[in-house]
């Protein structure tokens, strides 16, 4: 009886861990996308300044 309860709690912990991991990976992807957009914006601004100064 006790083993069954331990098994259930470990299964639910694994399930919540998996969903947390999925959430973290999606958050990391969106952060990477924002970082990429920000870097691109900086590059474009630098190109624009070079064009204006030239």
PDB file of N, CA and C in Angstrom:
ATOM      1  N   UNK A   1       0.839  -1.200   0.000  1.00  0.00           N
ATOM      2  CA  UNK A   1       0.000   0.000   0.000  1.00  0.00           C
ATOM      3  C   UNK A   1       0.875   1.253   0.000  1.00  0.00           C
ATOM      4  N   UNK A   2       1.849   1.274   0.870  1.00  0.00           N
ATOM      5  CA  UNK A   2       2.743   2.420   0.968  1.00  0.00           C
ATOM      6  C   UNK A   2       3.561   2.597  -0.313  1.00  0.00           C
ATOM      7  N   UNK A   3       3.998   1.491  -0.914  1.00  0.00           N
ATOM      8  CA  UNK A   3       4.774   1.551  -2.162  1.00  0.00           C
ATOM      9  C   UNK A   3       3.938   2.174  -3.277  1.00  0.00           C
ATOM     10  N   UNK A   4       2.659   1.828  -3.301  1.00  0.00           N
ATOM     11  CA  UNK A   4       1.769   2.359  -4.339  1.00  0.00           C
ATOM     12  C   UNK A   4       1.654   3.881  -4.208  1.00  0.00           C
ATOM     13  N   UNK A   5       1.534   4.367  -2.994  1.00  0.00           N
ATOM     14  CA  UNK A   5       1.417   5.810  -2.766  1.00  0.00           C
ATOM     15  C   UNK A   5       2.704   6.513  -3.182  1.00  0.00           C
ATOM     16  N   UNK A   6       3.842   5.914  -2.862  1.00  0.00           N
ATOM     17  CA  UNK A   6       5.137   6.497  -3.231  1.00  0.00           C
ATOM     18  C   UNK A   6       5.268   6.534  -4.746  1.00  0.00           C
ATOM     19  N   UNK A   7       4.796   5.458  -5.394  1.00  0.00           N
ATOM     20  CA  UNK A   7       4.861   5.359  -6.852  1.00  0.00           C
ATOM     21  C   UNK A   7       4.020   6.467  -7.496  1.00  0.00           C
ATOM     22  N   UNK A   8       2.822   6.673  -6.957  1.00  0.00           N
ATOM     23  CA  UNK A   8       1.933   7.703  -7.490  1.00  0.00           C
ATOM     24  C   UNK A   8       2.521   9.099  -7.330  1.00  0.00           C
ATOM     25  N   UNK A   9       3.090   9.382  -6.171  1.00  0.00           N
ATOM     26  CA  UNK A   9       3.642  10.710  -5.941  1.00  0.00           C
ATOM     27  C   UNK A   9       4.854  10.958  -6.841  1.00  0.00           C
ATOM     28  N   UNK A  10       5.657   9.927  -7.061  1.00  0.00           N
ATOM     29  CA  UNK A  10       6.824  10.109  -7.931  1.00  0.00           C
ATOM     30  C   UNK A  10       6.384  10.284  -9.381  1.00  0.00           C
ATOM     31  N   UNK A  11       5.299   9.614  -9.768  1.00  0.00           N
ATOM     32  CA  UNK A  11       4.784   9.770 -11.127  1.00  0.00           C
ATOM     33  C   UNK A  11       4.254  11.186 -11.342  1.00  0.00           C
ATOM     34  N   UNK A  12       3.524  11.709 -10.362  1.00  0.00           N
ATOM     35  CA  UNK A  12       2.983  13.065 -10.505  1.00  0.00           C
ATOM     36  C   UNK A  12       4.116  14.093 -10.495  1.00  0.00           C
ATOM     37  N   UNK A  13       5.154  13.821  -9.706  1.00  0.00           N
ATOM     38  CA  UNK A  13       6.309  14.722  -9.671  1.00  0.00           C
ATOM     39  C   UNK A  13       7.008  14.717 -11.025  1.00  0.00           C
ATOM     40  N   UNK A  14       7.112  13.534 -11.637  1.00  0.00           N
ATOM     41  CA  UNK A  14       7.733  13.430 -12.959  1.00  0.00           C
ATOM     42  C   UNK A  14       6.896  14.180 -13.987  1.00  0.00           C
ATOM     43  N   UNK A  15       5.574  14.076 -13.871  1.00  0.00           N
ATOM     44  CA  UNK A  15       4.687  14.767 -14.806  1.00  0.00           C
ATOM     45  C   UNK A  15       4.815  16.273 -14.693  1.00  0.00           C
ATOM     46  N   UNK A  16       4.838  16.789 -13.472  1.00  0.00           N
ATOM     47  CA  UNK A  16       4.961  18.229 -13.285  1.00  0.00           C
ATOM     48  C   UNK A  16       6.350  18.700 -13.717  1.00  0.00           C
ATOM     49  N   UNK A  17       7.360  17.853 -13.509  1.00  0.00           N
ATOM     50  CA  UNK A  17       8.712  18.182 -13.942  1.00  0.00           C
ATOM     51  C   UNK A  17       8.782  18.301 -15.454  1.00  0.00           C
ATOM     52  N   UNK A  18       8.084  17.393 -16.143  1.00  0.00           N
ATOM     53  CA  UNK A  18       8.086  17.410 -17.606  1.00  0.00           C
ATOM     54  C   UNK A  18       7.388  18.659 -18.139  1.00  0.00           C
ATOM     55  N   UNK A  19       6.261  19.019 -17.517  1.00  0.00           N
ATOM     56  CA  UNK A  19       5.551  20.217 -17.978  1.00  0.00           C
ATOM     57  C   UNK A  19       6.359  21.475 -17.677  1.00  0.00           C
ATOM     58  N   UNK A  20       7.051  21.457 -16.540  1.00  0.00           N
ATOM     59  CA  UNK A  20       7.901  22.600 -16.188  1.00  0.00           C
ATOM     60  C   UNK A  20       9.041  22.730 -17.194  1.00  0.00           C
ATOM     61  N   UNK A  21       9.607  21.592 -17.574  1.00  0.00           N
ATOM     62  CA  UNK A  21      10.698  21.581 -18.542  1.00  0.00           C
ATOM     63  C   UNK A  21      10.217  22.113 -19.891  1.00  0.00           C
ATOM     64  N   UNK A  22       9.025  21.709 -20.297  1.00  0.00           N
ATOM     65  CA  UNK A  22       8.455  22.185 -21.559  1.00  0.00           C
ATOM     66  C   UNK A  22       8.242  23.697 -21.506  1.00  0.00           C
ATOM     67  N   UNK A  23       7.750  24.162 -20.352  1.00  0.00           N
ATOM     68  CA  UNK A  23       7.515  25.600 -20.185  1.00  0.00           C
ATOM     69  C   UNK A  23       8.837  26.366 -20.245  1.00  0.00           C
ATOM     70  N   UNK A  24       9.862  25.812 -19.604  1.00  0.00           N
ATOM     71  CA  UNK A  24      11.171  26.473 -19.594  1.00  0.00           C
ATOM     72  C   UNK A  24      11.774  26.519 -20.990  1.00  0.00           C
ATOM     73  N   UNK A  25      11.633  25.418 -21.747  1.00  0.00           N
ATOM     74  CA  UNK A  25      12.219  25.402 -23.089  1.00  0.00           C
ATOM     75  C   UNK A  25      11.496  26.396 -23.997  1.00  0.00           C
ATOM     76  N   UNK A  26      10.174  26.512 -23.856  1.00  0.00           N
ATOM     77  CA  UNK A  26       9.446  27.478 -24.675  1.00  0.00           C
ATOM     78  C   UNK A  26       9.816  28.906 -24.264  1.00  0.00           C
ATOM     79  N   UNK A  27      10.008  29.121 -22.971  1.00  0.00           N
ATOM     80  CA  UNK A  27      10.413  30.444 -22.493  1.00  0.00           C
ATOM     81  C   UNK A  27      11.804  30.777 -23.010  1.00  0.00           C
ATOM     82  N   UNK A  28      12.684  29.766 -23.026  1.00  0.00           N
ATOM     83  CA  UNK A  28      14.040  29.987 -23.519  1.00  0.00           C
ATOM     84  C   UNK A  28      13.998  30.315 -25.003  1.00  0.00           C
ATOM     85  N   UNK A  29      13.131  29.639 -25.751  1.00  0.00           N
ATOM     86  CA  UNK A  29      13.013  29.912 -27.182  1.00  0.00           C
ATOM     87  C   UNK A  29      12.524  31.328 -27.438  1.00  0.00           C
ATOM     88  N   UNK A  30      11.531  31.773 -26.669  1.00  0.00           N
ATOM     89  CA  UNK A  30      11.019  33.131 -26.875  1.00  0.00           C
ATOM     90  C   UNK A  30      12.063  34.173 -26.474  1.00  0.00           C
ATOM     91  N   UNK A  31      12.836  33.864 -25.434  1.00  0.00           N
ATOM     92  CA  UNK A  31      13.907  34.782 -25.036  1.00  0.00           C
ATOM     93  C   UNK A  31      14.974  34.855 -26.117  1.00  0.00           C
ATOM     94  N   UNK A  32      15.303  33.708 -26.701  1.00  0.00           N
ATOM     95  CA  UNK A  32      16.303  33.672 -27.768  1.00  0.00           C
ATOM     96  C   UNK A  32      15.801  34.469 -28.961  1.00  0.00           C
ATOM     97  N   UNK A  33      14.516  34.358 -29.251  1.00  0.00           N
ATOM     98  CA  UNK A  33      13.927  35.090 -30.370  1.00  0.00           C
ATOM     99  C   UNK A  33      13.998  36.587 -30.102  1.00  0.00           C
ATOM    100  N   UNK A  34      13.673  36.994 -28.878  1.00  0.00           N
ATOM    101  CA  UNK A  34      13.746  38.416 -28.529  1.00  0.00           C
ATOM    102  C   UNK A  34      15.176  38.917 -28.627  1.00  0.00           C
ATOM    103  N   UNK A  35      16.119  38.106 -28.175  1.00  0.00           N
ATOM    104  CA  UNK A  35      17.526  38.479 -28.247  1.00  0.00           C
ATOM    105  C   UNK A  35      17.973  38.635 -29.679  1.00  0.00           C
ATOM    106  N   UNK A  36      17.511  37.722 -30.547  1.00  0.00           N
ATOM    107  CA  UNK A  36      17.868  37.778 -31.958  1.00  0.00           C
ATOM    108  C   UNK A  36      17.313  39.043 -32.597  1.00  0.00           C
ATOM    109  N   UNK A  37      16.061  39.341 -32.298  1.00  0.00           N
ATOM    110  CA  UNK A  37      15.422  40.550 -32.846  1.00  0.00           C
ATOM    111  C   UNK A  37      16.162  41.792 -32.375  1.00  0.00           C
ATOM    112  N   UNK A  38      16.554  41.793 -31.102  1.00  0.00           N
ATOM    113  CA  UNK A  38      17.272  42.940 -30.543  1.00  0.00           C
ATOM    114  C   UNK A  38      18.626  43.115 -31.237  1.00  0.00           C
ATOM    115  N   UNK A  39      19.354  42.012 -31.433  1.00  0.00           N
ATOM    116  CA  UNK A  39      20.650  42.064 -32.109  1.00  0.00           C
ATOM    117  C   UNK A  39      20.479  42.575 -33.537  1.00  0.00           C
ATOM    118  N   UNK A  40      19.453  42.089 -34.204  1.00  0.00           N
ATOM    119  CA  UNK A  40      19.187  42.498 -35.582  1.00  0.00           C
ATOM    120  C   UNK A  40      18.894  44.000 -35.636  1.00  0.00           C
ATOM    121  N   UNK A  41      18.138  44.469 -34.663  1.00  0.00           N
ATOM    122  CA  UNK A  41      17.796  45.895 -34.601  1.00  0.00           C
ATOM    123  C   UNK A  41      19.061  46.736 -34.433  1.00  0.00           C
ATOM    124  N   UNK A  42      19.971  46.263 -33.590  1.00  0.00           N
ATOM    125  CA  UNK A  42      21.231  46.978 -33.363  1.00  0.00           C
ATOM    126  C   UNK A  42      22.052  47.002 -34.646  1.00  0.00           C
ATOM    127  N   UNK A  43      22.088  45.863 -35.349  1.00  0.00           N
ATOM    128  CA  UNK A  43      22.825  45.807 -36.618  1.00  0.00           C
ATOM    129  C   UNK A  43      22.234  46.781 -37.627  1.00  0.00           C
ATOM    130  N   UNK A  44      20.916  46.789 -37.733  1.00  0.00           N
ATOM    131  CA  UNK A  44      20.259  47.687 -38.686  1.00  0.00           C
ATOM    132  C   UNK A  44      20.522  49.145 -38.346  1.00  0.00           C
ATOM    133  N   UNK A  45      20.497  49.451 -37.046  1.00  0.00           N
ATOM    134  CA  UNK A  45      20.759  50.835 -36.628  1.00  0.00           C
ATOM    135  C   UNK A  45      22.193  51.235 -36.984  1.00  0.00           C
ATOM    136  N   UNK A  46      23.135  50.320 -36.782  1.00  0.00           N
ATOM    137  CA  UNK A  46      24.535  50.600 -37.107  1.00  0.00           C
ATOM    138  C   UNK A  46      24.692  50.830 -38.610  1.00  0.00           C
ATOM    139  N   UNK A  47      24.003  50.004 -39.412  1.00  0.00           N
ATOM    140  CA  UNK A  47      24.062  50.171 -40.865  1.00  0.00           C
ATOM    141  C   UNK A  47      23.481  51.523 -41.267  1.00  0.00           C
ATOM    142  N   UNK A  48      22.384  51.888 -40.643  1.00  0.00           N
ATOM    143  CA  UNK A  48      21.722  53.155 -40.943  1.00  0.00           C
ATOM    144  C   UNK A  48      22.636  54.329 -40.599  1.00  0.00           C
ATOM    145  N   UNK A  49      23.286  54.259 -39.447  1.00  0.00           N
ATOM    146  CA  UNK A  49      24.189  55.336 -39.045  1.00  0.00           C
ATOM    147  C   UNK A  49      25.365  55.450 -40.009  1.00  0.00           C
ATOM    148  N   UNK A  50      25.892  54.304 -40.449  1.00  0.00           N
ATOM    149  CA  UNK A  50      27.006  54.338 -41.408  1.00  0.00           C
ATOM    150  C   UNK A  50      26.557  54.965 -42.720  1.00  0.00           C
ATOM    151  N   UNK A  51      25.327  54.648 -43.134  1.00  0.00           N
ATOM    152  CA  UNK A  51      24.794  55.193 -44.375  1.00  0.00           C
ATOM    153  C   UNK A  51      24.605  56.709 -44.260  1.00  0.00           C
ATOM    154  N   UNK A  52      24.084  57.138 -43.123  1.00  0.00           N
ATOM    155  CA  UNK A  52      23.842  58.568 -42.903  1.00  0.00           C
ATOM    156  C   UNK A  52      25.169  59.328 -42.818  1.00  0.00           C
ATOM    157  N   UNK A  53      26.150  58.748 -42.140  1.00  0.00           N
ATOM    158  CA  UNK A  53      27.447  59.408 -41.965  1.00  0.00           C
ATOM    159  C   UNK A  53      28.279  59.406 -43.243  1.00  0.00           C
ATOM    160  N   UNK A  54      28.028  58.454 -44.129  1.00  0.00           N
ATOM    161  CA  UNK A  54      28.844  58.325 -45.347  1.00  0.00           C
ATOM    162  C   UNK A  54      28.587  59.479 -46.308  1.00  0.00           C
TER     163      UNK A  54
END
